[in-house]
Amino acid sequence: MSSLQDLLAQKAEIDRQISDARRHERNEAIAKVRALMAEHGLTASDLVAKTTGPRASTSGRKVAAKYRDPASGQTWTGRGLKPKWLSAALESGKQLTDFAV
């Protein structure tokens, strides 16, 4: 049976081998990427996602209100959960079009 010191030494050696293998594979991957970039004439800026154009992110942008409560002036964009004031009005028999802006 191995002693604790022997097992810890084996673990340290295995950890070192894992680190070396990871570093070697990473360097190979970088070399492949560089070769592909050179072959296709790409630069690092070509790899960065574009934030302009038709598929630009819409998160964080304000959306115009589509529905307004005439009594309180509260609005709803039509996104997310229906507000309580609108749900209550719809349950009382009103139509969604009654609140359209």
N, C-alpha and C. Protein backbone atom coordinates (compact mmCIF):
# COMPACT_ATOMS: atom_id res chain seq x y z
N MET A 1 0.84 -1.17 0.00
CA MET A 1 0.00 0.00 0.00
C MET A 1 0.89 1.24 0.00
N SER A 2 0.55 2.22 -0.80
CA SER A 2 1.35 3.44 -0.91
C SER A 2 1.11 4.35 0.28
N SER A 3 2.13 5.08 0.62
CA SER A 3 1.99 6.02 1.73
C SER A 3 1.35 7.31 1.19
N LEU A 4 0.92 8.14 2.08
CA LEU A 4 0.31 9.41 1.72
C LEU A 4 1.30 10.26 0.92
N GLN A 5 2.54 10.30 1.33
CA GLN A 5 3.56 11.09 0.64
C GLN A 5 3.77 10.60 -0.79
N ASP A 6 3.76 9.29 -0.98
CA ASP A 6 3.90 8.73 -2.33
C ASP A 6 2.74 9.14 -3.22
N LEU A 7 1.53 9.03 -2.67
CA LEU A 7 0.34 9.39 -3.44
C LEU A 7 0.33 10.87 -3.79
N LEU A 8 0.73 11.73 -2.86
CA LEU A 8 0.77 13.16 -3.13
C LEU A 8 1.82 13.48 -4.20
N ALA A 9 2.93 12.79 -4.18
CA ALA A 9 3.96 12.99 -5.20
C ALA A 9 3.45 12.56 -6.57
N GLN A 10 2.72 11.43 -6.60
CA GLN A 10 2.13 10.97 -7.87
C GLN A 10 1.12 11.98 -8.39
N LYS A 11 0.32 12.50 -7.48
CA LYS A 11 -0.70 13.50 -7.87
C LYS A 11 -0.02 14.74 -8.44
N ALA A 12 1.04 15.21 -7.80
CA ALA A 12 1.76 16.39 -8.29
C ALA A 12 2.34 16.13 -9.67
N GLU A 13 2.87 14.93 -9.89
CA GLU A 13 3.43 14.59 -11.20
C GLU A 13 2.34 14.53 -12.27
N ILE A 14 1.21 13.97 -11.93
CA ILE A 14 0.09 13.89 -12.88
C ILE A 14 -0.43 15.29 -13.18
N ASP A 15 -0.55 16.15 -12.16
CA ASP A 15 -0.99 17.53 -12.38
C ASP A 15 -0.04 18.27 -13.31
N ARG A 16 1.26 18.04 -13.16
CA ARG A 16 2.26 18.66 -14.03
C ARG A 16 2.11 18.16 -15.46
N GLN A 17 1.87 16.86 -15.62
CA GLN A 17 1.69 16.28 -16.96
C GLN A 17 0.43 16.83 -17.62
N ILE A 18 -0.62 16.97 -16.84
CA ILE A 18 -1.87 17.54 -17.38
C ILE A 18 -1.63 18.97 -17.84
N SER A 19 -0.94 19.75 -17.03
CA SER A 19 -0.64 21.13 -17.39
C SER A 19 0.20 21.21 -18.66
N ASP A 20 1.20 20.35 -18.77
CA ASP A 20 2.04 20.33 -19.98
C ASP A 20 1.23 19.94 -21.21
N ALA A 21 0.38 18.93 -21.08
CA ALA A 21 -0.44 18.48 -22.21
C ALA A 21 -1.41 19.58 -22.63
N ARG A 22 -2.01 20.25 -21.66
CA ARG A 22 -2.95 21.33 -21.96
C ARG A 22 -2.23 22.46 -22.70
N ARG A 23 -1.04 22.84 -22.23
CA ARG A 23 -0.26 23.90 -22.86
C ARG A 23 0.12 23.51 -24.29
N HIS A 24 0.53 22.26 -24.49
CA HIS A 24 0.92 21.78 -25.82
C HIS A 24 -0.28 21.82 -26.78
N GLU A 25 -1.44 21.33 -26.34
CA GLU A 25 -2.62 21.32 -27.20
C GLU A 25 -3.08 22.74 -27.52
N ARG A 26 -2.98 23.64 -26.55
CA ARG A 26 -3.36 25.02 -26.77
C ARG A 26 -2.45 25.66 -27.82
N ASN A 27 -1.17 25.42 -27.70
CA ASN A 27 -0.23 25.97 -28.68
C ASN A 27 -0.49 25.42 -30.08
N GLU A 28 -0.84 24.14 -30.18
CA GLU A 28 -1.18 23.56 -31.49
C GLU A 28 -2.44 24.22 -32.06
N ALA A 29 -3.43 24.43 -31.21
CA ALA A 29 -4.67 25.06 -31.67
C ALA A 29 -4.41 26.48 -32.16
N ILE A 30 -3.59 27.22 -31.44
CA ILE A 30 -3.26 28.59 -31.85
C ILE A 30 -2.54 28.57 -33.20
N ALA A 31 -1.63 27.63 -33.38
CA ALA A 31 -0.91 27.53 -34.65
C ALA A 31 -1.88 27.23 -35.80
N LYS A 32 -2.85 26.34 -35.57
CA LYS A 32 -3.83 26.01 -36.61
C LYS A 32 -4.68 27.24 -36.95
N VAL A 33 -5.11 27.97 -35.93
CA VAL A 33 -5.93 29.16 -36.16
C VAL A 33 -5.13 30.21 -36.94
N ARG A 34 -3.89 30.41 -36.56
CA ARG A 34 -3.05 31.38 -37.28
C ARG A 34 -2.87 30.97 -38.74
N ALA A 35 -2.67 29.69 -38.97
CA ALA A 35 -2.50 29.21 -40.34
C ALA A 35 -3.78 29.44 -41.15
N LEU A 36 -4.92 29.15 -40.57
CA LEU A 36 -6.20 29.37 -41.27
C LEU A 36 -6.43 30.85 -41.54
N MET A 37 -6.09 31.69 -40.56
CA MET A 37 -6.26 33.13 -40.74
C MET A 37 -5.38 33.63 -41.87
N ALA A 38 -4.14 33.16 -41.91
CA ALA A 38 -3.22 33.58 -42.97
C ALA A 38 -3.71 33.07 -44.33
N GLU A 39 -4.21 31.85 -44.35
CA GLU A 39 -4.68 31.25 -45.61
C GLU A 39 -5.86 32.02 -46.19
N HIS A 40 -6.73 32.52 -45.32
CA HIS A 40 -7.94 33.20 -45.77
C HIS A 40 -7.84 34.72 -45.67
N GLY A 41 -6.70 35.23 -45.26
CA GLY A 41 -6.50 36.67 -45.18
C GLY A 41 -7.33 37.34 -44.09
N LEU A 42 -7.53 36.68 -42.98
CA LEU A 42 -8.33 37.22 -41.89
C LEU A 42 -7.46 37.93 -40.86
N THR A 43 -8.06 38.90 -40.18
CA THR A 43 -7.39 39.57 -39.07
C THR A 43 -8.19 39.32 -37.80
N ALA A 44 -7.64 39.71 -36.67
CA ALA A 44 -8.35 39.52 -35.40
C ALA A 44 -9.66 40.30 -35.38
N SER A 45 -9.70 41.46 -36.00
CA SER A 45 -10.93 42.25 -36.03
C SER A 45 -12.02 41.57 -36.84
N ASP A 46 -11.65 40.70 -37.77
CA ASP A 46 -12.65 39.95 -38.54
C ASP A 46 -13.38 38.93 -37.66
N LEU A 47 -12.75 38.54 -36.56
CA LEU A 47 -13.33 37.52 -35.69
C LEU A 47 -14.27 38.10 -34.64
N VAL A 48 -14.24 39.41 -34.46
CA VAL A 48 -15.08 40.06 -33.46
C VAL A 48 -16.47 40.25 -34.05
N ALA A 49 -17.50 39.96 -33.24
CA ALA A 49 -18.88 40.10 -33.70
C ALA A 49 -19.18 41.56 -34.01
N LYS A 50 -19.83 41.78 -35.11
CA LYS A 50 -20.25 43.12 -35.50
C LYS A 50 -21.47 43.52 -34.69
N THR A 51 -21.51 44.80 -34.26
CA THR A 51 -22.65 45.28 -33.47
C THR A 51 -23.51 46.24 -34.26
N THR A 52 -23.28 46.33 -35.55
CA THR A 52 -24.10 47.19 -36.39
C THR A 52 -24.72 46.35 -37.49
N GLY A 53 -25.73 46.87 -38.09
CA GLY A 53 -26.36 46.15 -39.18
C GLY A 53 -27.69 45.55 -38.78
N PRO A 54 -28.26 44.76 -39.65
CA PRO A 54 -29.62 44.26 -39.43
C PRO A 54 -29.75 43.32 -38.24
N ARG A 55 -28.69 42.66 -37.82
CA ARG A 55 -28.79 41.71 -36.72
C ARG A 55 -28.18 42.26 -35.44
N ALA A 56 -28.12 43.57 -35.30
CA ALA A 56 -27.55 44.17 -34.10
C ALA A 56 -28.45 43.85 -32.91
N SER A 57 -27.86 43.77 -31.77
CA SER A 57 -28.58 43.45 -30.55
C SER A 57 -29.58 44.55 -30.21
N THR A 58 -30.77 44.15 -29.80
CA THR A 58 -31.80 45.13 -29.42
C THR A 58 -31.96 45.21 -27.92
N SER A 59 -31.16 44.48 -27.16
CA SER A 59 -31.30 44.53 -25.71
C SER A 59 -30.87 45.90 -25.21
N GLY A 60 -31.62 46.41 -24.26
CA GLY A 60 -31.31 47.69 -23.66
C GLY A 60 -31.94 48.87 -24.37
N ARG A 61 -32.59 48.65 -25.48
CA ARG A 61 -33.23 49.74 -26.20
C ARG A 61 -34.65 49.95 -25.68
N LYS A 62 -35.07 51.20 -25.68
CA LYS A 62 -36.44 51.54 -25.28
C LYS A 62 -37.39 51.17 -26.41
N VAL A 63 -38.56 50.67 -26.03
CA VAL A 63 -39.58 50.29 -27.00
C VAL A 63 -40.79 51.18 -26.77
N ALA A 64 -41.39 51.65 -27.84
CA ALA A 64 -42.56 52.52 -27.72
C ALA A 64 -43.74 51.75 -27.13
N ALA A 65 -44.52 52.44 -26.33
CA ALA A 65 -45.69 51.83 -25.71
C ALA A 65 -46.75 51.55 -26.77
N LYS A 66 -47.42 50.40 -26.66
CA LYS A 66 -48.49 50.05 -27.58
C LYS A 66 -49.86 50.20 -26.93
N TYR A 67 -49.89 50.14 -25.59
CA TYR A 67 -51.16 50.19 -24.87
C TYR A 67 -51.04 51.17 -23.71
N ARG A 68 -52.13 51.92 -23.47
CA ARG A 68 -52.14 52.90 -22.39
C ARG A 68 -53.47 52.81 -21.63
N ASP A 69 -53.35 52.90 -20.30
CA ASP A 69 -54.53 52.92 -19.44
C ASP A 69 -55.00 54.37 -19.36
N PRO A 70 -56.20 54.69 -19.88
CA PRO A 70 -56.64 56.09 -19.85
C PRO A 70 -56.87 56.62 -18.43
N ALA A 71 -57.17 55.75 -17.50
CA ALA A 71 -57.44 56.19 -16.14
C ALA A 71 -56.16 56.59 -15.40
N SER A 72 -55.14 55.76 -15.49
CA SER A 72 -53.91 56.02 -14.72
C SER A 72 -52.77 56.55 -15.58
N GLY A 73 -52.84 56.38 -16.87
CA GLY A 73 -51.77 56.82 -17.74
C GLY A 73 -50.64 55.80 -17.86
N GLN A 74 -50.76 54.65 -17.20
CA GLN A 74 -49.73 53.62 -17.28
C GLN A 74 -49.71 53.02 -18.67
N THR A 75 -48.53 52.58 -19.10
CA THR A 75 -48.40 52.04 -20.45
C THR A 75 -47.79 50.65 -20.40
N TRP A 76 -47.93 49.96 -21.53
CA TRP A 76 -47.34 48.63 -21.71
C TRP A 76 -46.88 48.52 -23.14
N THR A 77 -45.70 47.97 -23.35
CA THR A 77 -45.13 47.87 -24.70
C THR A 77 -45.64 46.66 -25.47
N GLY A 78 -46.30 45.74 -24.78
CA GLY A 78 -46.76 44.52 -25.42
C GLY A 78 -45.75 43.40 -25.26
N ARG A 79 -44.67 43.67 -24.55
CA ARG A 79 -43.64 42.66 -24.30
C ARG A 79 -43.70 42.25 -22.84
N GLY A 80 -43.39 41.00 -22.60
CA GLY A 80 -43.37 40.50 -21.23
C GLY A 80 -44.77 40.22 -20.72
N LEU A 81 -44.88 40.08 -19.42
CA LEU A 81 -46.17 39.78 -18.81
C LEU A 81 -47.11 40.97 -18.92
N LYS A 82 -48.40 40.69 -19.05
CA LYS A 82 -49.39 41.77 -19.07
C LYS A 82 -49.43 42.41 -17.69
N PRO A 83 -49.50 43.73 -17.65
CA PRO A 83 -49.61 44.39 -16.35
C PRO A 83 -50.97 44.10 -15.71
N LYS A 84 -51.02 44.24 -14.41
CA LYS A 84 -52.24 43.92 -13.67
C LYS A 84 -53.41 44.79 -14.11
N TRP A 85 -53.15 46.07 -14.39
CA TRP A 85 -54.24 46.94 -14.78
C TRP A 85 -54.88 46.48 -16.09
N LEU A 86 -54.08 45.95 -17.00
CA LEU A 86 -54.60 45.48 -18.28
C LEU A 86 -55.31 44.14 -18.11
N SER A 87 -54.74 43.25 -17.32
CA SER A 87 -55.39 41.96 -17.08
C SER A 87 -56.75 42.15 -16.44
N ALA A 88 -56.84 43.05 -15.47
CA ALA A 88 -58.12 43.30 -14.80
C ALA A 88 -59.13 43.88 -15.77
N ALA A 89 -58.70 44.80 -16.63
CA ALA A 89 -59.62 45.40 -17.60
C ALA A 89 -60.10 44.37 -18.61
N LEU A 90 -59.22 43.47 -19.05
CA LEU A 90 -59.62 42.44 -20.01
C LEU A 90 -60.59 41.46 -19.38
N GLU A 91 -60.40 41.15 -18.10
CA GLU A 91 -61.33 40.25 -17.40
C GLU A 91 -62.69 40.88 -17.21
N SER A 92 -62.73 42.21 -17.15
CA SER A 92 -64.02 42.89 -16.97
C SER A 92 -64.77 43.06 -18.29
N GLY A 93 -64.20 42.57 -19.38
CA GLY A 93 -64.92 42.57 -20.65
C GLY A 93 -64.38 43.52 -21.69
N LYS A 94 -63.40 44.32 -21.37
CA LYS A 94 -62.85 45.25 -22.36
C LYS A 94 -61.96 44.49 -23.33
N GLN A 95 -61.69 45.11 -24.47
CA GLN A 95 -60.85 44.53 -25.51
C GLN A 95 -59.46 45.16 -25.46
N LEU A 96 -58.48 44.41 -25.92
CA LEU A 96 -57.10 44.93 -25.96
C LEU A 96 -57.01 46.15 -26.86
N THR A 97 -57.81 46.16 -27.92
CA THR A 97 -57.79 47.30 -28.85
C THR A 97 -58.31 48.58 -28.20
N ASP A 98 -59.05 48.46 -27.10
CA ASP A 98 -59.53 49.65 -26.38
C ASP A 98 -58.39 50.44 -25.78
N PHE A 99 -57.26 49.81 -25.58
CA PHE A 99 -56.12 50.45 -24.91
C PHE A 99 -54.99 50.78 -25.88
N ALA A 100 -55.18 50.50 -27.15
CA ALA A 100 -54.12 50.75 -28.14
C ALA A 100 -53.78 52.23 -28.21
N VAL A 101 -52.49 52.51 -28.33
CA VAL A 101 -52.03 53.91 -28.39
C VAL A 101 -52.14 54.40 -29.81
